[in-house]
């Protein structure tokens, strides 16, 4: 069973040559800003909009992974289910996740060991969702080869997310990616202020400092922050911009943040 791309040709190019070029260009721009010099993170928060809007911010988060090809062998991507009504957290029976850049093997050997009453196989949810899918070409271009554990968060809690992430935490071979945009559809300055407050909460590992109004993937972020606080991790704000900075009007923008945890 294969999960096929849902938003190729919409959120990012469907043509593999064009997709590889656009991602490479964004990674190269991140290199020019020195982001590849950052330490290899254990966990990342990255945005999930169309590449013309959030792609440069996502590239800022992923650029340093080009030096982790021989280290990171498994990536847990935890994203929000926007379209499908998921109860708890959804995973899949699929053997691979396909993008225009090729198929990514799914770590079913690990997935079948997960035993939580709120984590269930729901293959249909992945057919509607973009928030996990758009992270994958960045991972393919930077890490090249890895096993994927895809998870979609629905009606869940930060505590539930934290328990699943703790189970999957692993060592340096495992990377955690939390997919989330920040504020939605505010005037530029309002969005700046709101996103800066959310970023401050993330940087102080404070899961109570923001809500779903501030970040659509708030449950995933809050779950990560709970673990990060327990493990005394160090957060880094890598990038913080919005669609008014990248493409589109400043009248109504969506916020994007890139954060590392080491």
C-alpha atoms as a PDB file:
ATOM      1  CA  UNK A   1       0.000   0.000   0.000  1.00  0.00           C
ATOM      2  CA  UNK A   2       1.266   3.443  -0.977  1.00  0.00           C
ATOM      3  CA  UNK A   3       0.164   6.918   0.155  1.00  0.00           C
ATOM      4  CA  UNK A   4       0.027   9.070  -2.958  1.00  0.00           C
ATOM      5  CA  UNK A   5       0.664  12.827  -2.900  1.00  0.00           C
ATOM      6  CA  UNK A   6      -2.439  14.926  -2.430  1.00  0.00           C
ATOM      7  CA  UNK A   7      -1.200  18.473  -3.130  1.00  0.00           C
ATOM      8  CA  UNK A   8       1.590  17.967  -5.670  1.00  0.00           C
ATOM      9  CA  UNK A   9       0.940  20.494  -8.399  1.00  0.00           C
ATOM     10  CA  UNK A  10      -0.923  22.699  -5.903  1.00  0.00           C
ATOM     11  CA  UNK A  11       1.279  23.439  -2.902  1.00  0.00           C
ATOM     12  CA  UNK A  12       4.500  22.531  -4.707  1.00  0.00           C
ATOM     13  CA  UNK A  13       5.507  21.413  -8.224  1.00  0.00           C
ATOM     14  CA  UNK A  14       4.369  18.019  -9.456  1.00  0.00           C
ATOM     15  CA  UNK A  15       7.286  17.763 -11.874  1.00  0.00           C
ATOM     16  CA  UNK A  16      10.262  16.156 -10.062  1.00  0.00           C
ATOM     17  CA  UNK A  17      12.849  18.296 -11.860  1.00  0.00           C
ATOM     18  CA  UNK A  18      10.996  21.509 -11.019  1.00  0.00           C
ATOM     19  CA  UNK A  19      10.397  20.357  -7.437  1.00  0.00           C
ATOM     20  CA  UNK A  20      14.019  19.444  -6.885  1.00  0.00           C
ATOM     21  CA  UNK A  21      15.102  22.810  -8.286  1.00  0.00           C
ATOM     22  CA  UNK A  22      12.731  24.902  -6.156  1.00  0.00           C
ATOM     23  CA  UNK A  23      13.665  23.096  -2.957  1.00  0.00           C
ATOM     24  CA  UNK A  24      17.376  23.277  -3.791  1.00  0.00           C
ATOM     25  CA  UNK A  25      17.061  27.001  -4.464  1.00  0.00           C
ATOM     26  CA  UNK A  26      15.384  27.590  -1.108  1.00  0.00           C
ATOM     27  CA  UNK A  27      17.993  25.477   0.702  1.00  0.00           C
ATOM     28  CA  UNK A  28      20.761  27.412  -1.074  1.00  0.00           C
ATOM     29  CA  UNK A  29      19.220  30.679   0.110  1.00  0.00           C
ATOM     30  CA  UNK A  30      19.150  29.298   3.656  1.00  0.00           C
ATOM     31  CA  UNK A  31      22.825  28.392   3.275  1.00  0.00           C
ATOM     32  CA  UNK A  32      23.619  32.000   2.356  1.00  0.00           C
ATOM     33  CA  UNK A  33      22.136  33.033   5.706  1.00  0.00           C
ATOM     34  CA  UNK A  34      24.294  30.522   7.559  1.00  0.00           C
ATOM     35  CA  UNK A  35      21.523  28.161   8.649  1.00  0.00           C
ATOM     36  CA  UNK A  36      23.500  25.088   7.576  1.00  0.00           C
ATOM     37  CA  UNK A  37      25.973  25.863  10.385  1.00  0.00           C
ATOM     38  CA  UNK A  38      23.376  25.204  13.089  1.00  0.00           C
ATOM     39  CA  UNK A  39      23.753  22.084  15.210  1.00  0.00           C
ATOM     40  CA  UNK A  40      21.793  19.053  14.067  1.00  0.00           C
ATOM     41  CA  UNK A  41      18.513  19.251  16.002  1.00  0.00           C
ATOM     42  CA  UNK A  42      16.660  16.460  17.737  1.00  0.00           C
ATOM     43  CA  UNK A  43      13.332  18.103  16.892  1.00  0.00           C
ATOM     44  CA  UNK A  44      12.083  20.707  14.426  1.00  0.00           C
ATOM     45  CA  UNK A  45       8.988  22.845  14.120  1.00  0.00           C
ATOM     46  CA  UNK A  46       8.400  23.788  10.479  1.00  0.00           C
ATOM     47  CA  UNK A  47       5.509  25.383   8.524  1.00  0.00           C
ATOM     48  CA  UNK A  48       3.311  23.644   5.968  1.00  0.00           C
ATOM     49  CA  UNK A  49       1.767  26.113   3.501  1.00  0.00           C
ATOM     50  CA  UNK A  50       2.337  26.361  -0.246  1.00  0.00           C
ATOM     51  CA  UNK A  51       6.044  26.626  -0.996  1.00  0.00           C
ATOM     52  CA  UNK A  52       5.867  30.176  -2.376  1.00  0.00           C
ATOM     53  CA  UNK A  53       4.576  31.260   1.040  1.00  0.00           C
ATOM     54  CA  UNK A  54       6.222  29.091   3.703  1.00  0.00           C
ATOM     55  CA  UNK A  55       8.936  27.296   1.733  1.00  0.00           C
ATOM     56  CA  UNK A  56      11.778  29.702   2.587  1.00  0.00           C
ATOM     57  CA  UNK A  57      11.019  29.393   6.309  1.00  0.00           C
ATOM     58  CA  UNK A  58      10.857  25.608   6.092  1.00  0.00           C
ATOM     59  CA  UNK A  59      14.177  25.631   4.224  1.00  0.00           C
ATOM     60  CA  UNK A  60      15.683  27.559   7.131  1.00  0.00           C
ATOM     61  CA  UNK A  61      14.683  24.716   9.442  1.00  0.00           C
ATOM     62  CA  UNK A  62      15.953  21.933   7.186  1.00  0.00           C
ATOM     63  CA  UNK A  63      19.190  23.379   5.771  1.00  0.00           C
ATOM     64  CA  UNK A  64      21.451  21.993   8.495  1.00  0.00           C
ATOM     65  CA  UNK A  65      20.210  18.440   7.891  1.00  0.00           C
ATOM     66  CA  UNK A  66      22.418  18.190   4.814  1.00  0.00           C
ATOM     67  CA  UNK A  67      25.219  17.232   7.206  1.00  0.00           C
ATOM     68  CA  UNK A  68      23.049  14.624   8.988  1.00  0.00           C
ATOM     69  CA  UNK A  69      22.726  12.145   6.098  1.00  0.00           C
ATOM     70  CA  UNK A  70      24.809   9.532   7.898  1.00  0.00           C
ATOM     71  CA  UNK A  71      23.179  10.134  11.267  1.00  0.00           C
ATOM     72  CA  UNK A  72      19.405  10.449  10.908  1.00  0.00           C
ATOM     73  CA  UNK A  73      17.798   7.231   9.702  1.00  0.00           C
ATOM     74  CA  UNK A  74      14.225   7.694  10.923  1.00  0.00           C
ATOM     75  CA  UNK A  75      11.937  10.736  10.883  1.00  0.00           C
ATOM     76  CA  UNK A  76       8.730  11.060  12.886  1.00  0.00           C
ATOM     77  CA  UNK A  77       6.506  13.697  11.268  1.00  0.00           C
ATOM     78  CA  UNK A  78       3.568  14.769  13.395  1.00  0.00           C
ATOM     79  CA  UNK A  79       1.129  17.026  11.561  1.00  0.00           C
ATOM     80  CA  UNK A  80      -2.366  18.398  11.947  1.00  0.00           C
ATOM     81  CA  UNK A  81      -5.335  16.733  10.260  1.00  0.00           C
ATOM     82  CA  UNK A  82      -7.055  19.748   8.713  1.00  0.00           C
ATOM     83  CA  UNK A  83      -9.690  18.039   6.581  1.00  0.00           C
ATOM     84  CA  UNK A  84     -10.470  14.632   8.034  1.00  0.00           C
ATOM     85  CA  UNK A  85     -12.111  14.189  11.485  1.00  0.00           C
ATOM     86  CA  UNK A  86      -9.442  12.148  13.260  1.00  0.00           C
ATOM     87  CA  UNK A  87     -10.208  10.936  16.760  1.00  0.00           C
ATOM     88  CA  UNK A  88      -6.919  10.991  18.650  1.00  0.00           C
ATOM     89  CA  UNK A  89      -3.873  10.428  16.463  1.00  0.00           C
ATOM     90  CA  UNK A  90      -3.877   8.633  13.104  1.00  0.00           C
ATOM     91  CA  UNK A  91      -1.197   6.481  11.541  1.00  0.00           C
ATOM     92  CA  UNK A  92      -1.207   4.243   8.477  1.00  0.00           C
ATOM     93  CA  UNK A  93      -0.824   0.691   7.228  1.00  0.00           C
ATOM     94  CA  UNK A  94       0.981   1.912   4.113  1.00  0.00           C
ATOM     95  CA  UNK A  95       4.455   0.669   3.262  1.00  0.00           C
ATOM     96  CA  UNK A  96       5.592   3.908   1.605  1.00  0.00           C
ATOM     97  CA  UNK A  97       4.728   7.583   1.096  1.00  0.00           C
ATOM     98  CA  UNK A  98       5.127   8.793  -2.459  1.00  0.00           C
ATOM     99  CA  UNK A  99       6.192  12.272  -3.568  1.00  0.00           C
ATOM    100  CA  UNK A 100       7.323  13.411  -7.034  1.00  0.00           C
ATOM    101  CA  UNK A 101      10.881  12.793  -5.784  1.00  0.00           C
ATOM    102  CA  UNK A 102      10.208   9.116  -5.093  1.00  0.00           C
ATOM    103  CA  UNK A 103       8.869   6.757  -2.457  1.00  0.00           C
ATOM    104  CA  UNK A 104       9.805   7.053   1.219  1.00  0.00           C
ATOM    105  CA  UNK A 105       9.682   3.761   3.143  1.00  0.00           C
ATOM    106  CA  UNK A 106       7.396   3.814   6.185  1.00  0.00           C
ATOM    107  CA  UNK A 107       8.714   2.220   9.379  1.00  0.00           C
ATOM    108  CA  UNK A 108       5.895  -0.278   9.899  1.00  0.00           C
ATOM    109  CA  UNK A 109       8.151  -2.390  12.111  1.00  0.00           C
ATOM    110  CA  UNK A 110       8.033   0.394  14.697  1.00  0.00           C
ATOM    111  CA  UNK A 111       4.454   1.520  14.051  1.00  0.00           C
ATOM    112  CA  UNK A 112       3.031  -1.914  14.892  1.00  0.00           C
ATOM    113  CA  UNK A 113       4.684  -1.726  18.326  1.00  0.00           C
ATOM    114  CA  UNK A 114       2.755   1.428  19.252  1.00  0.00           C
ATOM    115  CA  UNK A 115      -0.056   0.595  21.640  1.00  0.00           C
ATOM    116  CA  UNK A 116      -2.101   3.609  22.683  1.00  0.00           C
ATOM    117  CA  UNK A 117      -5.923   3.637  22.800  1.00  0.00           C
ATOM    118  CA  UNK A 118      -5.956   7.036  21.074  1.00  0.00           C
ATOM    119  CA  UNK A 119      -3.561   6.088  18.238  1.00  0.00           C
ATOM    120  CA  UNK A 120      -5.228   4.175  15.416  1.00  0.00           C
ATOM    121  CA  UNK A 121      -4.721   3.315  11.764  1.00  0.00           C
ATOM    122  CA  UNK A 122      -6.751   5.695   9.610  1.00  0.00           C
ATOM    123  CA  UNK A 123      -5.462   5.528   6.055  1.00  0.00           C
ATOM    124  CA  UNK A 124      -8.255   7.729   4.694  1.00  0.00           C
ATOM    125  CA  UNK A 125      -7.043  10.727   6.708  1.00  0.00           C
ATOM    126  CA  UNK A 126      -3.775  10.824   4.742  1.00  0.00           C
ATOM    127  CA  UNK A 127      -5.599  11.114   1.432  1.00  0.00           C
ATOM    128  CA  UNK A 128      -6.879  14.579   2.332  1.00  0.00           C
ATOM    129  CA  UNK A 129      -3.971  16.131   4.171  1.00  0.00           C
ATOM    130  CA  UNK A 130      -1.219  18.530   3.056  1.00  0.00           C
ATOM    131  CA  UNK A 131       0.468  19.410   6.363  1.00  0.00           C
ATOM    132  CA  UNK A 132       2.559  16.243   6.524  1.00  0.00           C
ATOM    133  CA  UNK A 133       3.114  15.827   2.805  1.00  0.00           C
ATOM    134  CA  UNK A 134       4.739  19.213   2.191  1.00  0.00           C
ATOM    135  CA  UNK A 135       7.514  18.444   4.707  1.00  0.00           C
ATOM    136  CA  UNK A 136       8.666  15.390   2.791  1.00  0.00           C
ATOM    137  CA  UNK A 137      10.478  16.880  -0.238  1.00  0.00           C
ATOM    138  CA  UNK A 138      12.638  18.961   2.146  1.00  0.00           C
ATOM    139  CA  UNK A 139      13.561  15.798   4.017  1.00  0.00           C
ATOM    140  CA  UNK A 140      14.225  13.924   0.773  1.00  0.00           C
ATOM    141  CA  UNK A 141      16.556  16.636  -0.534  1.00  0.00           C
ATOM    142  CA  UNK A 142      18.510  17.008   2.713  1.00  0.00           C
ATOM    143  CA  UNK A 143      18.606  13.507   4.239  1.00  0.00           C
ATOM    144  CA  UNK A 144      18.129  11.568   0.971  1.00  0.00           C
ATOM    145  CA  UNK A 145      17.376   8.174   2.595  1.00  0.00           C
ATOM    146  CA  UNK A 146      15.345   7.579   5.769  1.00  0.00           C
ATOM    147  CA  UNK A 147      12.398   5.695   7.206  1.00  0.00           C
ATOM    148  CA  UNK A 148       9.238   7.673   7.933  1.00  0.00           C
ATOM    149  CA  UNK A 149       6.696   7.454  10.750  1.00  0.00           C
ATOM    150  CA  UNK A 150       3.735   9.620   9.663  1.00  0.00           C
ATOM    151  CA  UNK A 151       1.239  10.764  12.299  1.00  0.00           C
ATOM    152  CA  UNK A 152      -1.794  13.038  12.010  1.00  0.00           C
ATOM    153  CA  UNK A 153      -3.185  14.762  15.091  1.00  0.00           C
ATOM    154  CA  UNK A 154      -6.934  15.246  15.368  1.00  0.00           C
ATOM    155  CA  UNK A 155      -9.007  15.501  18.541  1.00  0.00           C
ATOM    156  CA  UNK A 156      -6.118  14.819  20.879  1.00  0.00           C
ATOM    157  CA  UNK A 157      -4.258  16.362  23.815  1.00  0.00           C
ATOM    158  CA  UNK A 158      -0.668  17.512  24.354  1.00  0.00           C
ATOM    159  CA  UNK A 159      -0.244  14.768  26.962  1.00  0.00           C
ATOM    160  CA  UNK A 160      -1.227  12.113  24.422  1.00  0.00           C
ATOM    161  CA  UNK A 161       1.141  13.563  21.847  1.00  0.00           C
ATOM    162  CA  UNK A 162       3.956  13.664  24.405  1.00  0.00           C
ATOM    163  CA  UNK A 163       3.472   9.985  25.270  1.00  0.00           C
ATOM    164  CA  UNK A 164       3.670   8.952  21.617  1.00  0.00           C
ATOM    165  CA  UNK A 165       6.738  11.115  20.970  1.00  0.00           C
ATOM    166  CA  UNK A 166       8.418   9.757  24.094  1.00  0.00           C
ATOM    167  CA  UNK A 167       7.907   6.223  22.812  1.00  0.00           C
ATOM    168  CA  UNK A 168       9.390   7.139  19.422  1.00  0.00           C
ATOM    169  CA  UNK A 169      12.146   9.431  20.736  1.00  0.00           C
ATOM    170  CA  UNK A 170      15.090   7.102  20.095  1.00  0.00           C
ATOM    171  CA  UNK A 171      18.636   8.429  19.937  1.00  0.00           C
ATOM    172  CA  UNK A 172      20.475  10.595  17.419  1.00  0.00           C
ATOM    173  CA  UNK A 173      19.207   8.414  14.566  1.00  0.00           C
ATOM    174  CA  UNK A 174      15.653   9.722  15.050  1.00  0.00           C
ATOM    175  CA  UNK A 175      14.429  13.203  14.101  1.00  0.00           C
ATOM    176  CA  UNK A 176      11.096  14.622  15.259  1.00  0.00           C
ATOM    177  CA  UNK A 177       9.281  17.100  12.974  1.00  0.00           C
ATOM    178  CA  UNK A 178       6.230  19.015  14.166  1.00  0.00           C
ATOM    179  CA  UNK A 179       4.324  20.592  11.277  1.00  0.00           C
ATOM    180  CA  UNK A 180       2.515  23.842  12.087  1.00  0.00           C
ATOM    181  CA  UNK A 181       1.800  27.303  10.766  1.00  0.00           C
ATOM    182  CA  UNK A 182       1.311  30.183  13.198  1.00  0.00           C
ATOM    183  CA  UNK A 183      -1.320  32.976  13.134  1.00  0.00           C
ATOM    184  CA  UNK A 184      -3.894  33.024  10.351  1.00  0.00           C
ATOM    185  CA  UNK A 185      -5.340  35.890   8.302  1.00  0.00           C
ATOM    186  CA  UNK A 186      -4.480  38.963  10.359  1.00  0.00           C
ATOM    187  CA  UNK A 187      -3.067  42.271   9.126  1.00  0.00           C
ATOM    188  CA  UNK A 188       0.717  42.193   8.915  1.00  0.00           C
ATOM    189  CA  UNK A 189       1.530  44.044  12.156  1.00  0.00           C
ATOM    190  CA  UNK A 190      -1.091  42.159  14.164  1.00  0.00           C
ATOM    191  CA  UNK A 191       0.376  38.894  12.904  1.00  0.00           C
ATOM    192  CA  UNK A 192       3.902  40.011  13.796  1.00  0.00           C
ATOM    193  CA  UNK A 193       2.896  40.751  17.371  1.00  0.00           C
ATOM    194  CA  UNK A 194       0.921  37.536  17.760  1.00  0.00           C
ATOM    195  CA  UNK A 195       3.635  35.343  16.268  1.00  0.00           C
ATOM    196  CA  UNK A 196       6.315  36.942  18.433  1.00  0.00           C
ATOM    197  CA  UNK A 197       4.281  36.059  21.533  1.00  0.00           C
ATOM    198  CA  UNK A 198       3.884  32.484  20.319  1.00  0.00           C
ATOM    199  CA  UNK A 199       7.604  32.271  19.554  1.00  0.00           C
ATOM    200  CA  UNK A 200       8.395  33.542  23.052  1.00  0.00           C
ATOM    201  CA  UNK A 201       6.245  30.780  24.542  1.00  0.00           C
ATOM    202  CA  UNK A 202       8.000  28.164  22.418  1.00  0.00           C
ATOM    203  CA  UNK A 203      11.410  29.530  23.365  1.00  0.00           C
ATOM    204  CA  UNK A 204      10.553  29.329  27.079  1.00  0.00           C
ATOM    205  CA  UNK A 205       9.066  25.827  26.664  1.00  0.00           C
ATOM    206  CA  UNK A 206       5.716  27.128  27.870  1.00  0.00           C
ATOM    207  CA  UNK A 207       2.850  25.065  26.372  1.00  0.00           C
ATOM    208  CA  UNK A 208       0.286  27.268  28.095  1.00  0.00           C
ATOM    209  CA  UNK A 209       1.521  30.427  26.362  1.00  0.00           C
ATOM    210  CA  UNK A 210      -0.430  29.959  23.111  1.00  0.00           C
ATOM    211  CA  UNK A 211      -3.537  28.299  21.695  1.00  0.00           C
ATOM    212  CA  UNK A 212      -4.877  26.879  18.444  1.00  0.00           C
ATOM    213  CA  UNK A 213      -5.685  30.471  17.454  1.00  0.00           C
ATOM    214  CA  UNK A 214      -1.943  31.159  17.500  1.00  0.00           C
ATOM    215  CA  UNK A 215      -0.712  27.956  15.818  1.00  0.00           C
ATOM    216  CA  UNK A 216      -2.846  25.456  13.915  1.00  0.00           C
ATOM    217  CA  UNK A 217      -0.606  22.605  15.037  1.00  0.00           C
ATOM    218  CA  UNK A 218      -0.662  23.768  18.637  1.00  0.00           C
ATOM    219  CA  UNK A 219      -1.383  20.313  20.101  1.00  0.00           C
ATOM    220  CA  UNK A 220       1.700  18.866  18.442  1.00  0.00           C
ATOM    221  CA  UNK A 221       3.864  21.779  19.522  1.00  0.00           C
ATOM    222  CA  UNK A 222       2.579  21.620  23.099  1.00  0.00           C
ATOM    223  CA  UNK A 223       3.303  17.896  23.256  1.00  0.00           C
ATOM    224  CA  UNK A 224       6.853  18.501  22.066  1.00  0.00           C
ATOM    225  CA  UNK A 225       7.353  21.316  24.572  1.00  0.00           C
ATOM    226  CA  UNK A 226       6.339  19.026  27.437  1.00  0.00           C
ATOM    227  CA  UNK A 227       9.070  16.565  26.488  1.00  0.00           C
ATOM    228  CA  UNK A 228      11.583  19.324  25.768  1.00  0.00           C
ATOM    229  CA  UNK A 229      11.067  20.770  29.236  1.00  0.00           C
ATOM    230  CA  UNK A 230      11.470  17.359  30.895  1.00  0.00           C
ATOM    231  CA  UNK A 231      14.630  16.668  28.937  1.00  0.00           C
ATOM    232  CA  UNK A 232      15.980  20.187  29.516  1.00  0.00           C
ATOM    233  CA  UNK A 233      16.368  20.772  25.785  1.00  0.00           C
ATOM    234  CA  UNK A 234      17.581  24.022  24.265  1.00  0.00           C
ATOM    235  CA  UNK A 235      15.245  25.709  21.767  1.00  0.00           C
ATOM    236  CA  UNK A 236      16.471  27.928  18.948  1.00  0.00           C
ATOM    237  CA  UNK A 237      14.301  30.319  16.942  1.00  0.00           C
ATOM    238  CA  UNK A 238      15.677  29.800  13.445  1.00  0.00           C
ATOM    239  CA  UNK A 239      13.237  31.884  11.408  1.00  0.00           C
ATOM    240  CA  UNK A 240      10.019  33.823  11.972  1.00  0.00           C
ATOM    241  CA  UNK A 241       8.234  35.411   9.025  1.00  0.00           C
ATOM    242  CA  UNK A 242       4.833  35.453   7.375  1.00  0.00           C
ATOM    243  CA  UNK A 243       3.279  35.363   3.922  1.00  0.00           C
ATOM    244  CA  UNK A 244       3.551  39.151   3.728  1.00  0.00           C
ATOM    245  CA  UNK A 245       7.332  38.714   3.792  1.00  0.00           C
ATOM    246  CA  UNK A 246       7.461  35.984   1.163  1.00  0.00           C
ATOM    247  CA  UNK A 247       4.507  36.268  -1.234  1.00  0.00           C
ATOM    248  CA  UNK A 248       1.121  37.919  -1.103  1.00  0.00           C
ATOM    249  CA  UNK A 249      -0.560  40.905   0.451  1.00  0.00           C
ATOM    250  CA  UNK A 250       0.212  42.319   3.885  1.00  0.00           C
ATOM    251  CA  UNK A 251      -3.495  42.914   4.464  1.00  0.00           C
ATOM    252  CA  UNK A 252      -4.124  39.332   5.555  1.00  0.00           C
ATOM    253  CA  UNK A 253      -1.177  37.073   6.285  1.00  0.00           C
ATOM    254  CA  UNK A 254      -0.324  33.656   7.693  1.00  0.00           C
ATOM    255  CA  UNK A 255       2.568  33.326  10.121  1.00  0.00           C
ATOM    256  CA  UNK A 256       5.404  30.811   9.797  1.00  0.00           C
ATOM    257  CA  UNK A 257       8.070  29.816  12.298  1.00  0.00           C
ATOM    258  CA  UNK A 258      11.073  27.509  12.222  1.00  0.00           C
ATOM    259  CA  UNK A 259      12.429  26.236  15.525  1.00  0.00           C
ATOM    260  CA  UNK A 260      15.111  23.732  16.537  1.00  0.00           C
ATOM    261  CA  UNK A 261      15.443  21.736  19.756  1.00  0.00           C
ATOM    262  CA  UNK A 262      18.818  20.341  20.741  1.00  0.00           C
END
